[in-house]
């Protein structure tokens, strides 16, 4: 039997033998050693309890350790841990039917993957195979993953060591530019400008060469930015005009995060050709993602080999996790709770914006909200201080400098929303001294 490790031993073992992502490795000893979690909270080995205001990586929608999902994982493990993707199983069939009929009605079929990055990779392969074209459009400031193809798809300057990327990937002006000196009288005028610029760029790039346009339905890592009125419908119309497939990246905001199964469902006249998803489908209980395709794409691949294959795609335990997770959303009416608690959270952020000079631009949809830090509060040094203040007060937001992202689990209560707002108020009072 293994002896129980001390907190220091746990931290040191992690420091010595595994990599942490997106960070210099020497910082790992500053981390929290997590002992457990339940609902919206997790705790360390010293008994300190933290309210998770960021749903970990904006994925833990149903909170920690929901017994219904845990039991579904155990039951599937007892029945069948693994069978190759080429075999038909009950759990695969039930999950695929559930997603197509209830979560994304009107679509055709679904390919299951291991997460969001590979879902986006396969969407590109499917699009290029279907259209016979090679170019791909995506927005500046978008985020779609960390593998080579998805990193090239990303529209952010900080792509790590992935440049120069893959030939044929083209980035276009996205809605984040409204914060970079461009002024418009109305939202409709702004949308018209963006769409005119996009069409001009499509023409210059030769539309007959463009396989697909990939867009987040609400920007996540690039700023938590809701698409302006009419924008996604305009993209749909341009894609139809030039025979380009429209791919909606719903990895972060799918499965109830904004109050609908998928965020594109908020907008009339927007039916994607493909939808990619991951985070909220299993809420991190097991690795999972997928690509949902339209009926016309599904029909095309009836007679053409699908250019996809992973040893662990449609893994039985992951499929059981996803089906049970969807059941939790339905049983607990979490899409409605996301909408209602999200309105309360955003209203509170608007009031904090009026009160504090260190923040600006309160925004959000459902339980996906953010505030921008400004001036001296937006520096790297300030970020560390603000993060530590949150930790000391028992709340963990999802901080993406220069902004604070508040995207708690969809199970959150009114009282827990108020606690997040109260702690944020205290943190911003200190942030005001840095401006």
Foldseek 3Di string as FASTA:
>chain_A
DDDDDDPQVVQVVCLPPDDDPPDDSVCSSVDAAWDFWDFQWTAGPVGFIFREQALVVLFQQRTGDDPLLVVLLVVLVVVPQFDFPVDDDPLLVVLFCCCDVPAADQAATKWKDQAQQVQVVLVQLLLCVVLVARAEEEEALAARDQDQQRLCRYNYPPNDPNPPGDPRYYYAYAPVCCVVPDDDPDLVVVLVVRLVRVLVVCVVSPLSRYRAYEYECAGDLSFRHHHGPPNQLSVVVSCVVSVHFYEYEQANPACQLQLGNGSCVVHPNHRGQKYKYWRHLLSVPGGMIMITGHNVSVVVCVPPPRPDGDRCGPRVSSSSSSVSSSVCCVVVVLSVLQQVLVVVLLVLVVVLQVVFPQWDDWDHGRLKTKIFGDDQCQDPVNVVVLQVLSVVLRYHFDDNGRMTIGRTHSVDDNVVSVSVSVSVSVSRVVSRVRD
